[in-house]
Amino acid sequence: MASIEPEKEFHNSGADSDHDDSYAIYQTGRDFEANPAEAKRALRKIDYRIIPILFTAYMLDKNSLNLASVYGLQQGTHLVGQDYSWLGKTP
């Protein structure tokens, strides 16, 4: 049977022992400045990927709330008046 070696301690290459290697990489990139066109393209790419995910999650949430009401959510939880409408409010 093979023995399992204990996890090796992760050492960083920086002077501060409270941070790992990824913090050192972060520090080297702090002085990087992207030109406005690159920043705009990156933001647009993020928007094209994040917004559809948020929209889908929002619609699934609304649909599940509607389906729950059909199956007796209001009666089972004794919601009265505006209580049901407060369930679908976004912060």
N, C-alpha and C. Protein backbone atom coordinates (compact mmCIF):
# COMPACT_ATOMS: atom_id res chain seq x y z
N MET A 1 0.84 -1.17 0.00
CA MET A 1 0.00 0.00 0.00
C MET A 1 0.89 1.24 0.00
N ALA A 2 0.57 2.22 -0.84
CA ALA A 2 1.37 3.43 -0.93
C ALA A 2 1.01 4.38 0.20
N SER A 3 2.02 5.03 0.72
CA SER A 3 1.76 5.98 1.79
C SER A 3 1.42 7.34 1.19
N ILE A 4 0.58 8.04 1.87
CA ILE A 4 0.18 9.36 1.42
C ILE A 4 1.08 10.39 2.08
N GLU A 5 1.72 11.21 1.25
CA GLU A 5 2.61 12.23 1.80
C GLU A 5 1.78 13.37 2.36
N PRO A 6 2.22 13.94 3.46
CA PRO A 6 1.50 15.10 3.98
C PRO A 6 1.61 16.26 3.00
N GLU A 7 0.61 17.12 3.06
CA GLU A 7 0.60 18.26 2.17
C GLU A 7 1.83 19.12 2.40
N LYS A 8 2.47 19.50 1.30
CA LYS A 8 3.65 20.35 1.42
C LYS A 8 3.20 21.77 1.71
N GLU A 9 3.96 22.44 2.54
CA GLU A 9 3.63 23.81 2.88
C GLU A 9 3.86 24.70 1.67
N PHE A 10 2.95 25.60 1.44
CA PHE A 10 3.04 26.48 0.28
C PHE A 10 3.85 27.70 0.68
N HIS A 11 4.97 27.92 0.03
CA HIS A 11 5.81 29.07 0.33
C HIS A 11 5.70 30.10 -0.77
N ASN A 12 5.74 31.33 -0.36
CA ASN A 12 5.69 32.40 -1.36
C ASN A 12 7.09 32.90 -1.65
N SER A 13 7.20 33.58 -2.77
CA SER A 13 8.50 34.09 -3.16
C SER A 13 8.69 35.53 -2.70
N GLY A 14 7.64 36.15 -2.14
CA GLY A 14 7.74 37.54 -1.70
C GLY A 14 8.30 37.66 -0.30
N ALA A 15 8.49 38.87 0.13
CA ALA A 15 9.07 39.12 1.44
C ALA A 15 8.04 38.94 2.55
N ASP A 16 6.78 39.16 2.26
CA ASP A 16 5.74 39.08 3.27
C ASP A 16 5.24 37.65 3.39
N SER A 17 5.36 37.06 4.55
CA SER A 17 4.98 35.65 4.70
C SER A 17 3.49 35.47 4.91
N ASP A 18 2.71 36.55 5.00
CA ASP A 18 1.27 36.44 5.18
C ASP A 18 0.53 36.23 3.87
N HIS A 19 1.22 36.38 2.74
CA HIS A 19 0.58 36.28 1.43
C HIS A 19 1.19 35.15 0.63
N ASP A 20 0.45 34.67 -0.37
CA ASP A 20 0.95 33.59 -1.22
C ASP A 20 1.46 34.13 -2.55
N ASP A 21 1.80 33.23 -3.46
CA ASP A 21 2.36 33.62 -4.75
C ASP A 21 1.40 34.46 -5.59
N SER A 22 0.12 34.19 -5.48
CA SER A 22 -0.84 34.95 -6.28
C SER A 22 -0.85 36.42 -5.87
N TYR A 23 -0.58 36.69 -4.60
CA TYR A 23 -0.50 38.08 -4.17
C TYR A 23 0.71 38.76 -4.79
N ALA A 24 1.82 38.04 -4.92
CA ALA A 24 3.00 38.60 -5.56
C ALA A 24 2.72 38.90 -7.03
N ILE A 25 1.99 38.03 -7.70
CA ILE A 25 1.61 38.28 -9.09
C ILE A 25 0.69 39.49 -9.17
N TYR A 26 -0.22 39.59 -8.23
CA TYR A 26 -1.11 40.75 -8.17
C TYR A 26 -0.31 42.05 -8.02
N GLN A 27 0.68 42.01 -7.17
CA GLN A 27 1.50 43.20 -6.94
C GLN A 27 2.25 43.63 -8.20
N THR A 28 2.73 42.66 -8.99
CA THR A 28 3.45 43.02 -10.21
C THR A 28 2.52 43.65 -11.24
N GLY A 29 1.25 43.35 -11.21
CA GLY A 29 0.31 43.88 -12.18
C GLY A 29 -0.35 45.17 -11.75
N ARG A 30 -0.07 45.65 -10.57
CA ARG A 30 -0.73 46.87 -10.08
C ARG A 30 -0.36 48.09 -10.91
N ASP A 31 0.84 48.11 -11.48
CA ASP A 31 1.28 49.27 -12.26
C ASP A 31 0.81 49.21 -13.71
N PHE A 32 0.16 48.12 -14.10
CA PHE A 32 -0.31 47.96 -15.47
C PHE A 32 -1.48 48.89 -15.73
N GLU A 33 -1.42 49.61 -16.83
CA GLU A 33 -2.53 50.47 -17.22
C GLU A 33 -2.96 50.09 -18.63
N ALA A 34 -4.21 49.70 -18.77
CA ALA A 34 -4.74 49.35 -20.08
C ALA A 34 -5.22 50.62 -20.77
N ASN A 35 -5.13 50.60 -22.08
CA ASN A 35 -5.65 51.78 -22.77
C ASN A 35 -7.18 51.70 -22.76
N PRO A 36 -7.85 52.82 -22.94
CA PRO A 36 -9.32 52.84 -22.83
C PRO A 36 -10.03 51.89 -23.79
N ALA A 37 -9.48 51.69 -24.98
CA ALA A 37 -10.14 50.79 -25.93
C ALA A 37 -10.11 49.35 -25.43
N GLU A 38 -8.97 48.93 -24.87
CA GLU A 38 -8.87 47.57 -24.32
C GLU A 38 -9.79 47.40 -23.12
N ALA A 39 -9.85 48.40 -22.27
CA ALA A 39 -10.73 48.33 -21.09
C ALA A 39 -12.19 48.23 -21.51
N LYS A 40 -12.56 49.00 -22.54
CA LYS A 40 -13.94 48.97 -23.01
C LYS A 40 -14.29 47.61 -23.61
N ARG A 41 -13.36 47.03 -24.38
CA ARG A 41 -13.59 45.70 -24.96
C ARG A 41 -13.72 44.64 -23.87
N ALA A 42 -12.88 44.73 -22.86
CA ALA A 42 -12.95 43.75 -21.76
C ALA A 42 -14.27 43.88 -21.01
N LEU A 43 -14.68 45.10 -20.75
CA LEU A 43 -15.95 45.32 -20.05
C LEU A 43 -17.13 44.83 -20.87
N ARG A 44 -17.08 45.06 -22.18
CA ARG A 44 -18.14 44.60 -23.06
C ARG A 44 -18.21 43.07 -23.06
N LYS A 45 -17.05 42.41 -23.09
CA LYS A 45 -17.02 40.95 -23.07
C LYS A 45 -17.59 40.41 -21.77
N ILE A 46 -17.27 41.05 -20.67
CA ILE A 46 -17.82 40.64 -19.37
C ILE A 46 -19.33 40.83 -19.37
N ASP A 47 -19.79 41.99 -19.88
CA ASP A 47 -21.23 42.25 -19.94
C ASP A 47 -21.96 41.22 -20.77
N TYR A 48 -21.40 40.85 -21.91
CA TYR A 48 -22.06 39.87 -22.77
C TYR A 48 -22.15 38.49 -22.12
N ARG A 49 -21.31 38.22 -21.17
CA ARG A 49 -21.35 36.91 -20.50
C ARG A 49 -22.14 36.93 -19.20
N ILE A 50 -22.05 38.02 -18.46
CA ILE A 50 -22.70 38.08 -17.14
C ILE A 50 -24.18 38.42 -17.24
N ILE A 51 -24.55 39.38 -18.06
CA ILE A 51 -25.95 39.83 -18.14
C ILE A 51 -26.90 38.70 -18.52
N PRO A 52 -26.59 37.85 -19.52
CA PRO A 52 -27.52 36.74 -19.79
C PRO A 52 -27.67 35.77 -18.62
N ILE A 53 -26.60 35.55 -17.89
CA ILE A 53 -26.68 34.66 -16.71
C ILE A 53 -27.59 35.28 -15.65
N LEU A 54 -27.42 36.57 -15.39
CA LEU A 54 -28.27 37.24 -14.40
C LEU A 54 -29.73 37.27 -14.84
N PHE A 55 -29.97 37.51 -16.12
CA PHE A 55 -31.33 37.53 -16.64
C PHE A 55 -31.99 36.16 -16.49
N THR A 56 -31.25 35.12 -16.83
CA THR A 56 -31.79 33.75 -16.72
C THR A 56 -32.09 33.41 -15.27
N ALA A 57 -31.19 33.75 -14.37
CA ALA A 57 -31.43 33.47 -12.95
C ALA A 57 -32.65 34.23 -12.44
N TYR A 58 -32.81 35.48 -12.87
CA TYR A 58 -33.95 36.28 -12.47
C TYR A 58 -35.26 35.67 -12.97
N MET A 59 -35.26 35.25 -14.24
CA MET A 59 -36.47 34.67 -14.80
C MET A 59 -36.81 33.32 -14.15
N LEU A 60 -35.80 32.52 -13.87
CA LEU A 60 -36.06 31.25 -13.19
C LEU A 60 -36.63 31.48 -11.80
N ASP A 61 -36.14 32.52 -11.13
CA ASP A 61 -36.65 32.84 -9.80
C ASP A 61 -38.11 33.26 -9.89
N LYS A 62 -38.43 34.12 -10.85
CA LYS A 62 -39.82 34.57 -11.00
C LYS A 62 -40.73 33.40 -11.39
N ASN A 63 -40.27 32.55 -12.28
CA ASN A 63 -41.09 31.41 -12.70
C ASN A 63 -41.31 30.43 -11.56
N SER A 64 -40.29 30.19 -10.77
CA SER A 64 -40.46 29.26 -9.65
C SER A 64 -41.41 29.84 -8.61
N LEU A 65 -41.39 31.15 -8.43
CA LEU A 65 -42.32 31.79 -7.50
C LEU A 65 -43.76 31.67 -8.01
N ASN A 66 -43.95 31.85 -9.31
CA ASN A 66 -45.29 31.69 -9.89
C ASN A 66 -45.78 30.24 -9.77
N LEU A 67 -44.89 29.31 -10.06
CA LEU A 67 -45.27 27.90 -9.95
C LEU A 67 -45.60 27.53 -8.50
N ALA A 68 -44.83 28.06 -7.56
CA ALA A 68 -45.11 27.78 -6.15
C ALA A 68 -46.47 28.33 -5.74
N SER A 69 -46.84 29.48 -6.29
CA SER A 69 -48.15 30.05 -5.92
C SER A 69 -49.28 29.18 -6.46
N VAL A 70 -49.09 28.59 -7.64
CA VAL A 70 -50.10 27.70 -8.20
C VAL A 70 -50.29 26.47 -7.32
N TYR A 71 -49.21 26.00 -6.73
CA TYR A 71 -49.28 24.80 -5.90
C TYR A 71 -49.57 25.11 -4.43
N GLY A 72 -50.00 26.33 -4.13
CA GLY A 72 -50.49 26.61 -2.78
C GLY A 72 -49.51 27.31 -1.86
N LEU A 73 -48.58 28.06 -2.39
CA LEU A 73 -47.62 28.77 -1.54
C LEU A 73 -48.33 29.78 -0.64
N GLN A 74 -49.27 30.52 -1.20
CA GLN A 74 -49.95 31.56 -0.42
C GLN A 74 -50.77 30.96 0.72
N GLN A 75 -51.46 29.88 0.44
CA GLN A 75 -52.29 29.27 1.48
C GLN A 75 -51.41 28.53 2.50
N GLY A 76 -50.39 27.85 2.03
CA GLY A 76 -49.55 27.07 2.93
C GLY A 76 -48.72 27.91 3.88
N THR A 77 -48.38 29.12 3.45
CA THR A 77 -47.56 30.00 4.29
C THR A 77 -48.38 31.13 4.89
N HIS A 78 -49.69 31.12 4.64
CA HIS A 78 -50.63 32.11 5.19
C HIS A 78 -50.24 33.54 4.81
N LEU A 79 -49.91 33.72 3.52
CA LEU A 79 -49.59 35.06 3.03
C LEU A 79 -50.89 35.82 2.79
N VAL A 80 -50.94 37.06 3.22
CA VAL A 80 -52.13 37.88 3.03
C VAL A 80 -51.73 39.22 2.43
N GLY A 81 -52.65 39.82 1.69
CA GLY A 81 -52.43 41.15 1.14
C GLY A 81 -51.20 41.23 0.25
N GLN A 82 -50.31 42.14 0.56
CA GLN A 82 -49.12 42.39 -0.24
C GLN A 82 -47.96 41.46 0.09
N ASP A 83 -48.14 40.53 1.01
CA ASP A 83 -47.04 39.63 1.40
C ASP A 83 -46.47 38.86 0.21
N TYR A 84 -47.36 38.38 -0.64
CA TYR A 84 -46.89 37.60 -1.81
C TYR A 84 -46.09 38.48 -2.77
N SER A 85 -46.51 39.71 -2.97
CA SER A 85 -45.79 40.58 -3.89
C SER A 85 -44.41 40.95 -3.36
N TRP A 86 -44.24 40.95 -2.05
CA TRP A 86 -42.93 41.26 -1.47
C TRP A 86 -41.93 40.14 -1.73
N LEU A 87 -42.39 38.93 -1.99
CA LEU A 87 -41.47 37.82 -2.26
C LEU A 87 -40.67 38.03 -3.53
N GLY A 88 -41.25 38.70 -4.50
CA GLY A 88 -40.58 38.89 -5.79
C GLY A 88 -39.80 40.18 -5.92
N LYS A 89 -39.72 40.96 -4.87
CA LYS A 89 -39.01 42.23 -4.93
C LYS A 89 -37.51 41.99 -4.92
N THR A 90 -36.81 42.74 -5.74
CA THR A 90 -35.35 42.66 -5.75
C THR A 90 -34.80 43.81 -4.92
N PRO A 91 -33.68 43.56 -4.25
CA PRO A 91 -33.12 44.61 -3.38
C PRO A 91 -32.59 45.78 -4.16
